[in-house]
Amino acid sequence: MNRFHILVVDDEEDLCDILQFNLEDAGYSVDAANSAEEALAMDLSKYDLFLLDVMMGEISGYRLASMLREQKETEKTPIIFLTAKDTENDMVAGFNAGADDYISKPFSLREVLIRIKAVLKRTNEGGKVKSTAKLVYNTLVIDLEQKKVTIDGEDISLTKREFEILQLLLEQKDRVFSRQEILDKVWVNEEDISDRTVDVNITRIRKKIGHYDKNLVTRLGYGYCFETK
């Protein structure tokens, strides 16, 4: 159930929120940062694409892109610039900094989605997601290649559905997923599956993940999230 993981970096918080919402609605896993400094403090190796604003604080998008290209973990990760700087010289500077595409503001969300899809298709062999080997929260580890969960180094036995639910929640920690969203993402194209099915699986996961059960939180009237705050 791997999905493309995108990092949006823009100092306009409202724009970040809009992009994150629409990209997640399109099926991507999305994180956001409001400065280059904030982005550089994150685990950048797990992303399949960076969506960068150019004009940001002390470290510009151009500089951030150059820094990403200098790191082994991110040297080949595609970069798309979002910017109001749209002269030919600006575009040349963007591509020289390592950009794979350049979208001028104002833009339509449809254009952004089309450009992202094209870049990911072009830069990922066969259109496949770059494998993110593990999801980690303290001593809770999900090995995505071996389809295995361990806690404190001990194997935890989960069913396929339980594994995929836990993976979904850990991929976007602190985000609340409705029961319907979980059904749509885990029980794809299956009919006659009720909300109760999600509740039952969540209860089973809680019983299996020991002291991390407190992180698997119910938001009454909304759904579930893996809470880290």
C-alpha atoms as a PDB file:
ATOM      1  CA  MET A   1       0.000   0.000   0.000  1.00  0.00           C
ATOM      2  CA  ASN A   2       2.965   2.309  -0.647  1.00  0.00           C
ATOM      3  CA  ARG A   3       2.057   5.813  -1.806  1.00  0.00           C
ATOM      4  CA  PHE A   4       4.135   8.706  -3.081  1.00  0.00           C
ATOM      5  CA  HIS A   5       5.294  10.836  -0.148  1.00  0.00           C
ATOM      6  CA  ILE A   6       5.570  14.584  -0.844  1.00  0.00           C
ATOM      7  CA  LEU A   7       7.037  17.409   1.225  1.00  0.00           C
ATOM      8  CA  VAL A   8       5.593  20.899   0.652  1.00  0.00           C
ATOM      9  CA  VAL A   9       7.864  23.759   1.784  1.00  0.00           C
ATOM     10  CA  ASP A  10       6.322  27.241   1.700  1.00  0.00           C
ATOM     11  CA  ASP A  11       6.269  30.114   4.203  1.00  0.00           C
ATOM     12  CA  GLU A  12       2.592  30.783   3.396  1.00  0.00           C
ATOM     13  CA  GLU A  13       0.849  28.518   5.915  1.00  0.00           C
ATOM     14  CA  ASP A  14      -2.560  28.852   4.243  1.00  0.00           C
ATOM     15  CA  LEU A  15      -1.115  27.759   0.912  1.00  0.00           C
ATOM     16  CA  CYS A  16       0.616  24.808   2.579  1.00  0.00           C
ATOM     17  CA  ASP A  17      -2.695  23.755   4.123  1.00  0.00           C
ATOM     18  CA  ILE A  18      -4.510  24.031   0.779  1.00  0.00           C
ATOM     19  CA  LEU A  19      -1.838  22.056  -1.067  1.00  0.00           C
ATOM     20  CA  GLN A  20      -1.637  19.409   1.644  1.00  0.00           C
ATOM     21  CA  PHE A  21      -5.407  18.912   1.709  1.00  0.00           C
ATOM     22  CA  ASN A  22      -5.748  18.639  -2.072  1.00  0.00           C
ATOM     23  CA  LEU A  23      -2.709  16.430  -2.568  1.00  0.00           C
ATOM     24  CA  GLU A  24      -3.872  14.054   0.170  1.00  0.00           C
ATOM     25  CA  ASP A  25      -7.307  14.043  -1.426  1.00  0.00           C
ATOM     26  CA  ALA A  26      -5.585  12.965  -4.649  1.00  0.00           C
ATOM     27  CA  GLY A  27      -4.023  10.002  -2.832  1.00  0.00           C
ATOM     28  CA  TYR A  28      -0.578  11.305  -1.891  1.00  0.00           C
ATOM     29  CA  SER A  29       0.992  11.182   1.560  1.00  0.00           C
ATOM     30  CA  VAL A  30       1.942  14.787   2.373  1.00  0.00           C
ATOM     31  CA  ASP A  31       3.926  16.680   5.018  1.00  0.00           C
ATOM     32  CA  ALA A  32       4.462  20.432   5.168  1.00  0.00           C
ATOM     33  CA  ALA A  33       7.158  22.785   6.436  1.00  0.00           C
ATOM     34  CA  ASN A  34       6.954  26.591   6.608  1.00  0.00           C
ATOM     35  CA  SER A  35      10.652  27.271   6.108  1.00  0.00           C
ATOM     36  CA  ALA A  36      13.747  25.682   4.653  1.00  0.00           C
ATOM     37  CA  GLU A  37      15.169  25.460   8.156  1.00  0.00           C
ATOM     38  CA  GLU A  38      12.144  23.482   9.337  1.00  0.00           C
ATOM     39  CA  ALA A  39      12.413  21.176   6.330  1.00  0.00           C
ATOM     40  CA  LEU A  40      16.118  20.524   6.920  1.00  0.00           C
ATOM     41  CA  ALA A  41      15.331  19.321  10.458  1.00  0.00           C
ATOM     42  CA  MET A  42      13.108  16.563   9.030  1.00  0.00           C
ATOM     43  CA  ASP A  43      13.974  13.093   7.719  1.00  0.00           C
ATOM     44  CA  LEU A  44      14.199  14.098   4.061  1.00  0.00           C
ATOM     45  CA  SER A  45      15.244  10.671   2.810  1.00  0.00           C
ATOM     46  CA  LYS A  46      11.667   9.350   2.986  1.00  0.00           C
ATOM     47  CA  TYR A  47      10.185  11.731   0.388  1.00  0.00           C
ATOM     48  CA  ASP A  48       9.519  10.967  -3.272  1.00  0.00           C
ATOM     49  CA  LEU A  49       9.129  14.631  -4.310  1.00  0.00           C
ATOM     50  CA  PHE A  50       9.767  18.120  -2.929  1.00  0.00           C
ATOM     51  CA  LEU A  51       7.408  21.016  -3.714  1.00  0.00           C
ATOM     52  CA  LEU A  52       9.354  24.178  -2.862  1.00  0.00           C
ATOM     53  CA  ASP A  53       8.559  27.873  -2.720  1.00  0.00           C
ATOM     54  CA  VAL A  54      11.421  30.073  -3.920  1.00  0.00           C
ATOM     55  CA  MET A  55      11.122  33.180  -1.717  1.00  0.00           C
ATOM     56  CA  MET A  56      11.563  32.031   1.875  1.00  0.00           C
ATOM     57  CA  GLY A  57      13.344  33.633   4.844  1.00  0.00           C
ATOM     58  CA  GLU A  58      17.085  33.218   5.225  1.00  0.00           C
ATOM     59  CA  ILE A  59      17.357  30.086   3.079  1.00  0.00           C
ATOM     60  CA  SER A  60      15.652  30.432  -0.304  1.00  0.00           C
ATOM     61  CA  GLY A  61      14.076  27.608  -2.240  1.00  0.00           C
ATOM     62  CA  TYR A  62      16.978  27.758  -4.692  1.00  0.00           C
ATOM     63  CA  ARG A  63      19.479  27.313  -1.884  1.00  0.00           C
ATOM     64  CA  LEU A  64      17.418  24.532  -0.311  1.00  0.00           C
ATOM     65  CA  ALA A  65      17.286  22.724  -3.646  1.00  0.00           C
ATOM     66  CA  SER A  66      21.056  22.988  -4.007  1.00  0.00           C
ATOM     67  CA  MET A  67      21.482  21.586  -0.486  1.00  0.00           C
ATOM     68  CA  LEU A  68      19.172  18.684  -1.297  1.00  0.00           C
ATOM     69  CA  ARG A  69      21.186  17.925  -4.405  1.00  0.00           C
ATOM     70  CA  GLU A  70      24.375  17.832  -2.309  1.00  0.00           C
ATOM     71  CA  GLN A  71      23.026  15.120   0.016  1.00  0.00           C
ATOM     72  CA  LYS A  72      23.264  11.483  -1.055  1.00  0.00           C
ATOM     73  CA  GLU A  73      19.813  10.644   0.336  1.00  0.00           C
ATOM     74  CA  THR A  74      18.061  13.355  -1.694  1.00  0.00           C
ATOM     75  CA  GLU A  75      20.343  13.993  -4.677  1.00  0.00           C
ATOM     76  CA  LYS A  76      17.937  12.258  -7.080  1.00  0.00           C
ATOM     77  CA  THR A  77      14.617  13.156  -5.452  1.00  0.00           C
ATOM     78  CA  PRO A  78      12.576  15.304  -7.889  1.00  0.00           C
ATOM     79  CA  ILE A  79      11.971  18.969  -7.055  1.00  0.00           C
ATOM     80  CA  ILE A  80       9.205  21.256  -8.306  1.00  0.00           C
ATOM     81  CA  PHE A  81       9.356  24.984  -7.606  1.00  0.00           C
ATOM     82  CA  LEU A  82       6.212  27.005  -6.871  1.00  0.00           C
ATOM     83  CA  THR A  83       6.968  30.701  -7.253  1.00  0.00           C
ATOM     84  CA  ALA A  84       5.779  34.144  -8.294  1.00  0.00           C
ATOM     85  CA  LYS A  85       9.187  34.692  -9.933  1.00  0.00           C
ATOM     86  CA  ASP A  86       8.383  33.812 -13.533  1.00  0.00           C
ATOM     87  CA  THR A  87      10.943  35.502 -15.769  1.00  0.00           C
ATOM     88  CA  GLU A  88      13.116  33.424 -18.050  1.00  0.00           C
ATOM     89  CA  ASN A  89      16.145  34.133 -15.858  1.00  0.00           C
ATOM     90  CA  ASP A  90      14.230  32.957 -12.779  1.00  0.00           C
ATOM     91  CA  MET A  91      13.315  29.717 -14.502  1.00  0.00           C
ATOM     92  CA  VAL A  92      16.897  29.157 -15.614  1.00  0.00           C
ATOM     93  CA  ALA A  93      18.068  29.760 -12.035  1.00  0.00           C
ATOM     94  CA  GLY A  94      15.517  27.225 -10.813  1.00  0.00           C
ATOM     95  CA  PHE A  95      16.611  24.527 -13.218  1.00  0.00           C
ATOM     96  CA  ASN A  96      20.271  25.269 -12.487  1.00  0.00           C
ATOM     97  CA  ALA A  97      19.493  24.746  -8.790  1.00  0.00           C
ATOM     98  CA  GLY A  98      18.280  21.239  -9.599  1.00  0.00           C
ATOM     99  CA  ALA A  99      14.561  21.648 -10.283  1.00  0.00           C
ATOM    100  CA  ASP A 100      12.672  19.082 -12.351  1.00  0.00           C
ATOM    101  CA  ASP A 101       9.794  21.497 -13.031  1.00  0.00           C
ATOM    102  CA  TYR A 102       8.798  25.102 -12.329  1.00  0.00           C
ATOM    103  CA  ILE A 103       5.225  26.295 -11.698  1.00  0.00           C
ATOM    104  CA  SER A 104       4.465  30.018 -11.638  1.00  0.00           C
ATOM    105  CA  LYS A 105       2.028  31.582  -9.163  1.00  0.00           C
ATOM    106  CA  PRO A 106      -0.877  32.016  -9.364  1.00  0.00           C
ATOM    107  CA  PHE A 107      -1.532  28.455 -10.410  1.00  0.00           C
ATOM    108  CA  SER A 108      -4.504  26.096 -10.491  1.00  0.00           C
ATOM    109  CA  LEU A 109      -4.533  23.035  -8.266  1.00  0.00           C
ATOM    110  CA  ARG A 110      -5.310  20.963 -11.348  1.00  0.00           C
ATOM    111  CA  GLU A 111      -2.083  22.187 -12.959  1.00  0.00           C
ATOM    112  CA  VAL A 112      -0.094  21.294  -9.832  1.00  0.00           C
ATOM    113  CA  LEU A 113      -1.561  17.787  -9.753  1.00  0.00           C
ATOM    114  CA  ILE A 114      -0.840  17.237 -13.448  1.00  0.00           C
ATOM    115  CA  ARG A 115       2.749  18.466 -13.122  1.00  0.00           C
ATOM    116  CA  ILE A 116       3.387  16.312 -10.029  1.00  0.00           C
ATOM    117  CA  LYS A 117       2.003  13.227 -11.740  1.00  0.00           C
ATOM    118  CA  ALA A 118       4.174  13.853 -14.796  1.00  0.00           C
ATOM    119  CA  VAL A 119       7.367  14.407 -12.801  1.00  0.00           C
ATOM    120  CA  LEU A 120       6.820  11.327 -10.648  1.00  0.00           C
ATOM    121  CA  LYS A 121       6.106   9.199 -13.688  1.00  0.00           C
ATOM    122  CA  ARG A 122       9.227  10.504 -15.405  1.00  0.00           C
ATOM    123  CA  THR A 123      11.571  10.089 -12.445  1.00  0.00           C
ATOM    124  CA  ASN A 124      10.356   6.789 -10.985  1.00  0.00           C
ATOM    125  CA  GLU A 125      11.032   3.685 -13.039  1.00  0.00           C
ATOM    126  CA  GLY A 126       7.761   2.065 -14.012  1.00  0.00           C
ATOM    127  CA  GLY A 127       5.880   4.687 -12.044  1.00  0.00           C
ATOM    128  CA  LYS A 128       6.655   2.810  -8.845  1.00  0.00           C
ATOM    129  CA  VAL A 129       7.067   4.470  -5.469  1.00  0.00           C
ATOM    130  CA  LYS A 130      10.572   4.691  -4.145  1.00  0.00           C
ATOM    131  CA  SER A 131      10.631   2.195  -1.328  1.00  0.00           C
ATOM    132  CA  THR A 132      10.678   3.679   2.162  1.00  0.00           C
ATOM    133  CA  ALA A 133      12.133   0.761   4.067  1.00  0.00           C
ATOM    134  CA  LYS A 134      10.796   1.499   7.535  1.00  0.00           C
ATOM    135  CA  LEU A 135       8.343   3.602   9.511  1.00  0.00           C
ATOM    136  CA  VAL A 136       9.624   4.254  13.016  1.00  0.00           C
ATOM    137  CA  TYR A 137       8.117   5.737  16.166  1.00  0.00           C
ATOM    138  CA  ASN A 138      10.429   5.263  19.140  1.00  0.00           C
ATOM    139  CA  THR A 139      10.744   1.459  19.454  1.00  0.00           C
ATOM    140  CA  LEU A 140       7.736   0.713  17.225  1.00  0.00           C
ATOM    141  CA  VAL A 141       9.060  -0.217  13.784  1.00  0.00           C
ATOM    142  CA  ILE A 142       7.147  -1.140  10.640  1.00  0.00           C
ATOM    143  CA  ASP A 143       9.343  -2.844   8.038  1.00  0.00           C
ATOM    144  CA  LEU A 144       7.574  -2.133   4.739  1.00  0.00           C
ATOM    145  CA  GLU A 145       9.639  -4.568   2.698  1.00  0.00           C
ATOM    146  CA  GLN A 146       9.360  -7.565   5.006  1.00  0.00           C
ATOM    147  CA  LYS A 147       5.801  -6.615   6.082  1.00  0.00           C
ATOM    148  CA  LYS A 148       6.806  -6.988   9.708  1.00  0.00           C
ATOM    149  CA  VAL A 149       6.131  -5.000  12.884  1.00  0.00           C
ATOM    150  CA  THR A 150       8.423  -5.023  15.893  1.00  0.00           C
ATOM    151  CA  ILE A 151       8.195  -3.363  19.308  1.00  0.00           C
ATOM    152  CA  ASP A 152      11.306  -3.209  21.479  1.00  0.00           C
ATOM    153  CA  GLY A 153      12.850  -5.646  18.992  1.00  0.00           C
ATOM    154  CA  GLU A 154      10.085  -8.231  19.440  1.00  0.00           C
ATOM    155  CA  ASP A 155       7.944  -9.337  16.469  1.00  0.00           C
ATOM    156  CA  ILE A 156       4.249  -8.400  16.635  1.00  0.00           C
ATOM    157  CA  SER A 157       1.814 -10.615  14.736  1.00  0.00           C
ATOM    158  CA  LEU A 158      -0.649  -8.540  12.710  1.00  0.00           C
ATOM    159  CA  THR A 159      -3.072  -9.543   9.989  1.00  0.00           C
ATOM    160  CA  LYS A 160      -2.710  -7.928   6.553  1.00  0.00           C
ATOM    161  CA  ARG A 161      -5.520  -5.442   7.309  1.00  0.00           C
ATOM    162  CA  GLU A 162      -4.157  -4.599  10.751  1.00  0.00           C
ATOM    163  CA  PHE A 163      -0.707  -4.025   9.240  1.00  0.00           C
ATOM    164  CA  GLU A 164      -2.101  -1.725   6.543  1.00  0.00           C
ATOM    165  CA  ILE A 165      -4.173   0.309   9.022  1.00  0.00           C
ATOM    166  CA  LEU A 166      -1.188   0.798  11.320  1.00  0.00           C
ATOM    167  CA  GLN A 167       0.998   1.708   8.334  1.00  0.00           C
ATOM    168  CA  LEU A 168      -1.550   4.285   7.154  1.00  0.00           C
ATOM    169  CA  LEU A 169      -1.742   5.928  10.587  1.00  0.00           C
ATOM    170  CA  LEU A 170       2.042   5.986  11.077  1.00  0.00           C
ATOM    171  CA  GLU A 171       2.645   7.407   7.590  1.00  0.00           C
ATOM    172  CA  GLN A 172       0.699  10.509   8.646  1.00  0.00           C
ATOM    173  CA  LYS A 173       1.072  10.649  12.393  1.00  0.00           C
ATOM    174  CA  ASP A 174      -1.301  12.999  14.260  1.00  0.00           C
ATOM    175  CA  ARG A 175      -3.679  13.164  11.279  1.00  0.00           C
ATOM    176  CA  VAL A 176      -7.221  11.986  11.988  1.00  0.00           C
ATOM    177  CA  PHE A 177      -8.578   9.480   9.475  1.00  0.00           C
ATOM    178  CA  SER A 178     -12.318   8.911   9.306  1.00  0.00           C
ATOM    179  CA  ARG A 179     -13.587   5.339   9.258  1.00  0.00           C
ATOM    180  CA  GLN A 180     -14.601   5.835   5.634  1.00  0.00           C
ATOM    181  CA  GLU A 181     -11.112   7.021   4.668  1.00  0.00           C
ATOM    182  CA  ILE A 182      -9.597   3.939   6.288  1.00  0.00           C
ATOM    183  CA  LEU A 183     -12.085   1.704   4.486  1.00  0.00           C
ATOM    184  CA  ASP A 184     -11.326   3.393   1.147  1.00  0.00           C
ATOM    185  CA  LYS A 185      -7.554   3.058   1.554  1.00  0.00           C
ATOM    186  CA  VAL A 186      -7.336  -0.424   3.112  1.00  0.00           C
ATOM    187  CA  TRP A 187     -10.383  -2.236   1.728  1.00  0.00           C
ATOM    188  CA  VAL A 188     -10.026  -0.928  -1.830  1.00  0.00           C
ATOM    189  CA  ASN A 189     -12.929  -1.798  -4.149  1.00  0.00           C
ATOM    190  CA  GLU A 190     -14.472  -4.153  -1.580  1.00  0.00           C
ATOM    191  CA  GLU A 191     -18.196  -3.883  -1.018  1.00  0.00           C
ATOM    192  CA  ASP A 192     -20.402  -4.586   2.007  1.00  0.00           C
ATOM    193  CA  ILE A 193     -17.684  -3.562   4.480  1.00  0.00           C
ATOM    194  CA  SER A 194     -19.061  -1.545   7.399  1.00  0.00           C
ATOM    195  CA  ASP A 195     -17.553   1.077   9.707  1.00  0.00           C
ATOM    196  CA  ARG A 196     -17.711  -1.550  12.441  1.00  0.00           C
ATOM    197  CA  THR A 197     -15.013  -3.500  10.599  1.00  0.00           C
ATOM    198  CA  VAL A 198     -12.588  -0.634  11.177  1.00  0.00           C
ATOM    199  CA  ASP A 199     -13.494  -0.437  14.877  1.00  0.00           C
ATOM    200  CA  VAL A 200     -12.880  -4.163  15.334  1.00  0.00           C
ATOM    201  CA  ASN A 201      -9.484  -3.997  13.654  1.00  0.00           C
ATOM    202  CA  ILE A 202      -8.443  -0.942  15.672  1.00  0.00           C
ATOM    203  CA  THR A 203      -9.375  -2.778  18.890  1.00  0.00           C
ATOM    204  CA  ARG A 204      -7.256  -5.753  17.839  1.00  0.00           C
ATOM    205  CA  ILE A 205      -4.291  -3.545  16.959  1.00  0.00           C
ATOM    206  CA  ARG A 206      -4.470  -1.831  20.365  1.00  0.00           C
ATOM    207  CA  LYS A 207      -4.284  -5.193  22.108  1.00  0.00           C
ATOM    208  CA  LYS A 208      -1.187  -6.148  20.119  1.00  0.00           C
ATOM    209  CA  ILE A 209       0.940  -2.991  20.328  1.00  0.00           C
ATOM    210  CA  GLY A 210       1.397  -2.947  24.092  1.00  0.00           C
ATOM    211  CA  HIS A 211       2.269   0.418  25.628  1.00  0.00           C
ATOM    212  CA  TYR A 212       1.733   2.140  22.271  1.00  0.00           C
ATOM    213  CA  ASP A 213      -2.004   1.506  22.575  1.00  0.00           C
ATOM    214  CA  LYS A 214      -2.340   4.960  24.141  1.00  0.00           C
ATOM    215  CA  ASN A 215      -1.034   6.503  20.905  1.00  0.00           C
ATOM    216  CA  LEU A 216      -3.817   4.945  18.857  1.00  0.00           C
ATOM    217  CA  VAL A 217      -6.448   7.549  19.706  1.00  0.00           C
ATOM    218  CA  THR A 218     -10.173   7.703  18.959  1.00  0.00           C
ATOM    219  CA  ARG A 219     -11.509  11.144  18.026  1.00  0.00           C
ATOM    220  CA  LEU A 220     -15.189  10.794  18.782  1.00  0.00           C
ATOM    221  CA  GLY A 221     -17.295  11.696  15.773  1.00  0.00           C
ATOM    222  CA  TYR A 222     -14.234  11.936  13.523  1.00  0.00           C
ATOM    223  CA  GLY A 223     -12.165   8.758  13.446  1.00  0.00           C
ATOM    224  CA  TYR A 224      -8.710   7.543  14.485  1.00  0.00           C
ATOM    225  CA  CYS A 225      -5.155   8.820  14.576  1.00  0.00           C
ATOM    226  CA  PHE A 226      -1.721   7.762  15.808  1.00  0.00           C
ATOM    227  CA  GLU A 227      -0.977  10.608  18.211  1.00  0.00           C
ATOM    228  CA  THR A 228       2.569  11.659  19.056  1.00  0.00           C
ATOM    229  CA  LYS A 229       1.906  14.998  20.757  1.00  0.00           C
END
